[in-house]
Amino acid sequence: MLSLAELRRAVRALDARIAGARLQRIVVPDEHSLVLSLYGLGEETHVLLCCRPGFARLALLADAPPAPPT
């Protein structure tokens, strides 16, 4: 699980990529994950937020996953 210090470091690293971006889409691929698709500075950025027990993470994705059927 990410500590508060680790989460703050991750947010600082992402800040330059997503500052001022607009949220376009949210995909919930499973019960522990959330993908935010943001548009800003002429490009789309996909941020994965995962709260899986024992494996929490924050990451940039190359592409957004497909939305589940429901």
N, C-alpha and C. Protein backbone atom coordinates (compact mmCIF):
# COMPACT_ATOMS: atom_id res chain seq x y z
N MET A 1 0.84 -1.16 0.00
CA MET A 1 0.00 0.00 0.00
C MET A 1 0.89 1.24 0.00
N LEU A 2 0.44 2.28 -0.68
CA LEU A 2 1.21 3.51 -0.73
C LEU A 2 1.08 4.28 0.57
N SER A 3 2.20 4.75 1.04
CA SER A 3 2.17 5.64 2.21
C SER A 3 1.81 7.04 1.72
N LEU A 4 1.51 7.92 2.63
CA LEU A 4 1.18 9.29 2.26
C LEU A 4 2.36 9.95 1.56
N ALA A 5 3.57 9.71 2.01
CA ALA A 5 4.77 10.28 1.38
C ALA A 5 4.92 9.77 -0.06
N GLU A 6 4.69 8.48 -0.27
CA GLU A 6 4.79 7.91 -1.62
C GLU A 6 3.71 8.47 -2.53
N LEU A 7 2.51 8.63 -2.01
CA LEU A 7 1.42 9.19 -2.80
C LEU A 7 1.71 10.63 -3.18
N ARG A 8 2.28 11.39 -2.26
CA ARG A 8 2.64 12.78 -2.56
C ARG A 8 3.71 12.85 -3.65
N ARG A 9 4.69 11.94 -3.61
CA ARG A 9 5.72 11.89 -4.66
C ARG A 9 5.10 11.57 -6.01
N ALA A 10 4.19 10.64 -6.05
CA ALA A 10 3.53 10.26 -7.30
C ALA A 10 2.72 11.42 -7.87
N VAL A 11 2.03 12.14 -7.00
CA VAL A 11 1.24 13.28 -7.46
C VAL A 11 2.15 14.37 -8.02
N ARG A 12 3.27 14.64 -7.37
CA ARG A 12 4.22 15.64 -7.90
C ARG A 12 4.73 15.23 -9.28
N ALA A 13 5.00 13.94 -9.46
CA ALA A 13 5.51 13.46 -10.76
C ALA A 13 4.45 13.61 -11.85
N LEU A 14 3.19 13.42 -11.51
CA LEU A 14 2.12 13.54 -12.49
C LEU A 14 1.69 14.97 -12.74
N ASP A 15 1.96 15.85 -11.81
CA ASP A 15 1.45 17.22 -11.87
C ASP A 15 1.78 17.91 -13.19
N ALA A 16 2.98 17.78 -13.68
CA ALA A 16 3.37 18.44 -14.92
C ALA A 16 2.57 17.92 -16.12
N ARG A 17 2.20 16.65 -16.09
CA ARG A 17 1.44 16.06 -17.20
C ARG A 17 -0.04 16.38 -17.16
N ILE A 18 -0.60 16.55 -15.95
CA ILE A 18 -2.05 16.69 -15.87
C ILE A 18 -2.54 18.04 -15.37
N ALA A 19 -1.63 18.92 -14.99
CA ALA A 19 -2.04 20.24 -14.50
C ALA A 19 -2.82 20.97 -15.60
N GLY A 20 -4.01 21.41 -15.29
CA GLY A 20 -4.84 22.14 -16.24
C GLY A 20 -5.59 21.24 -17.21
N ALA A 21 -5.38 19.94 -17.15
CA ALA A 21 -6.08 19.02 -18.05
C ALA A 21 -7.53 18.89 -17.63
N ARG A 22 -8.35 18.48 -18.58
CA ARG A 22 -9.78 18.33 -18.32
C ARG A 22 -10.13 16.86 -18.32
N LEU A 23 -10.91 16.46 -17.35
CA LEU A 23 -11.34 15.07 -17.24
C LEU A 23 -12.34 14.77 -18.34
N GLN A 24 -12.04 13.74 -19.15
CA GLN A 24 -12.91 13.37 -20.26
C GLN A 24 -13.73 12.12 -19.97
N ARG A 25 -13.12 11.17 -19.29
CA ARG A 25 -13.77 9.87 -19.14
C ARG A 25 -13.22 9.16 -17.91
N ILE A 26 -14.08 8.38 -17.28
CA ILE A 26 -13.68 7.53 -16.16
C ILE A 26 -14.08 6.11 -16.51
N VAL A 27 -13.14 5.19 -16.40
CA VAL A 27 -13.41 3.77 -16.64
C VAL A 27 -13.10 3.02 -15.35
N VAL A 28 -13.99 2.13 -14.96
CA VAL A 28 -13.80 1.30 -13.77
C VAL A 28 -13.63 -0.14 -14.27
N PRO A 29 -12.38 -0.56 -14.56
CA PRO A 29 -12.17 -1.89 -15.14
C PRO A 29 -12.43 -3.04 -14.17
N ASP A 30 -12.27 -2.81 -12.87
CA ASP A 30 -12.57 -3.85 -11.89
C ASP A 30 -12.87 -3.18 -10.55
N GLU A 31 -13.14 -3.97 -9.55
CA GLU A 31 -13.58 -3.42 -8.27
C GLU A 31 -12.52 -2.64 -7.51
N HIS A 32 -11.26 -2.74 -7.91
CA HIS A 32 -10.18 -2.04 -7.20
C HIS A 32 -9.48 -0.97 -8.04
N SER A 33 -9.92 -0.78 -9.29
CA SER A 33 -9.19 0.12 -10.19
C SER A 33 -10.11 1.18 -10.78
N LEU A 34 -9.48 2.30 -11.11
CA LEU A 34 -10.16 3.43 -11.72
C LEU A 34 -9.17 4.04 -12.70
N VAL A 35 -9.60 4.30 -13.93
CA VAL A 35 -8.74 4.95 -14.92
C VAL A 35 -9.37 6.28 -15.30
N LEU A 36 -8.61 7.34 -15.12
CA LEU A 36 -9.05 8.68 -15.50
C LEU A 36 -8.41 9.05 -16.83
N SER A 37 -9.22 9.43 -17.80
CA SER A 37 -8.71 9.91 -19.09
C SER A 37 -8.82 11.42 -19.07
N LEU A 38 -7.68 12.07 -19.21
CA LEU A 38 -7.62 13.53 -19.14
C LEU A 38 -7.09 14.07 -20.46
N TYR A 39 -7.54 15.27 -20.84
CA TYR A 39 -7.06 15.89 -22.06
C TYR A 39 -6.51 17.27 -21.73
N GLY A 40 -5.27 17.49 -22.13
CA GLY A 40 -4.64 18.78 -21.91
C GLY A 40 -3.33 18.86 -22.64
N LEU A 41 -2.92 20.07 -22.99
CA LEU A 41 -1.67 20.30 -23.72
C LEU A 41 -1.62 19.51 -25.02
N GLY A 42 -2.78 19.35 -25.68
CA GLY A 42 -2.84 18.70 -26.98
C GLY A 42 -2.72 17.19 -26.96
N GLU A 43 -2.80 16.57 -25.79
CA GLU A 43 -2.70 15.12 -25.74
C GLU A 43 -3.60 14.54 -24.65
N GLU A 44 -3.90 13.26 -24.82
CA GLU A 44 -4.71 12.55 -23.84
C GLU A 44 -3.78 11.77 -22.91
N THR A 45 -4.08 11.81 -21.62
CA THR A 45 -3.30 11.11 -20.62
C THR A 45 -4.24 10.21 -19.83
N HIS A 46 -3.81 8.97 -19.57
CA HIS A 46 -4.62 8.01 -18.83
C HIS A 46 -3.90 7.68 -17.53
N VAL A 47 -4.58 7.90 -16.43
CA VAL A 47 -4.00 7.68 -15.10
C VAL A 47 -4.75 6.54 -14.42
N LEU A 48 -4.02 5.52 -14.01
CA LEU A 48 -4.58 4.38 -13.29
C LEU A 48 -4.44 4.61 -11.80
N LEU A 49 -5.54 4.50 -11.08
CA LEU A 49 -5.55 4.54 -9.62
C LEU A 49 -6.02 3.17 -9.17
N CYS A 50 -5.19 2.48 -8.42
CA CYS A 50 -5.52 1.13 -7.98
C CYS A 50 -5.40 1.04 -6.47
N CYS A 51 -6.43 0.48 -5.84
CA CYS A 51 -6.41 0.34 -4.38
C CYS A 51 -6.51 -1.14 -3.98
N ARG A 52 -5.99 -2.02 -4.82
CA ARG A 52 -6.00 -3.46 -4.51
C ARG A 52 -5.23 -3.68 -3.22
N PRO A 53 -5.80 -4.41 -2.27
CA PRO A 53 -5.10 -4.64 -1.00
C PRO A 53 -3.71 -5.25 -1.22
N GLY A 54 -2.71 -4.61 -0.63
CA GLY A 54 -1.34 -5.08 -0.76
C GLY A 54 -0.65 -4.70 -2.06
N PHE A 55 -1.36 -4.00 -2.96
CA PHE A 55 -0.77 -3.67 -4.26
C PHE A 55 -1.33 -2.35 -4.79
N ALA A 56 -1.44 -1.35 -3.95
CA ALA A 56 -1.93 -0.04 -4.37
C ALA A 56 -0.89 0.62 -5.27
N ARG A 57 -1.37 1.33 -6.28
CA ARG A 57 -0.44 2.02 -7.17
C ARG A 57 -1.13 3.14 -7.93
N LEU A 58 -0.32 3.99 -8.51
CA LEU A 58 -0.74 5.10 -9.34
C LEU A 58 0.18 5.05 -10.53
N ALA A 59 -0.38 5.01 -11.75
CA ALA A 59 0.47 4.86 -12.93
C ALA A 59 -0.12 5.55 -14.15
N LEU A 60 0.75 5.88 -15.09
CA LEU A 60 0.30 6.38 -16.39
C LEU A 60 0.16 5.18 -17.32
N LEU A 61 -0.88 5.18 -18.13
CA LEU A 61 -1.11 4.11 -19.09
C LEU A 61 -0.97 4.67 -20.50
N ALA A 62 -0.51 3.84 -21.43
CA ALA A 62 -0.40 4.25 -22.82
C ALA A 62 -1.79 4.44 -23.44
N ASP A 63 -2.72 3.55 -23.12
CA ASP A 63 -4.08 3.61 -23.64
C ASP A 63 -5.06 3.33 -22.51
N ALA A 64 -6.26 3.85 -22.66
CA ALA A 64 -7.31 3.56 -21.68
C ALA A 64 -7.85 2.16 -21.94
N PRO A 65 -8.17 1.43 -20.90
CA PRO A 65 -8.78 0.12 -21.11
C PRO A 65 -10.21 0.30 -21.65
N PRO A 66 -10.73 -0.72 -22.31
CA PRO A 66 -12.13 -0.60 -22.76
C PRO A 66 -13.06 -0.58 -21.55
N ALA A 67 -14.14 0.13 -21.67
CA ALA A 67 -15.12 0.18 -20.60
C ALA A 67 -15.82 -1.16 -20.49
N PRO A 68 -16.09 -1.62 -19.27
CA PRO A 68 -16.83 -2.87 -19.12
C PRO A 68 -18.25 -2.72 -19.71
N PRO A 69 -18.88 -3.82 -20.05
CA PRO A 69 -20.19 -3.74 -20.68
C PRO A 69 -21.29 -3.16 -19.78
N THR A 70 -21.13 -3.24 -18.48
CA THR A 70 -22.15 -2.69 -17.58
C THR A 70 -21.59 -1.60 -16.72
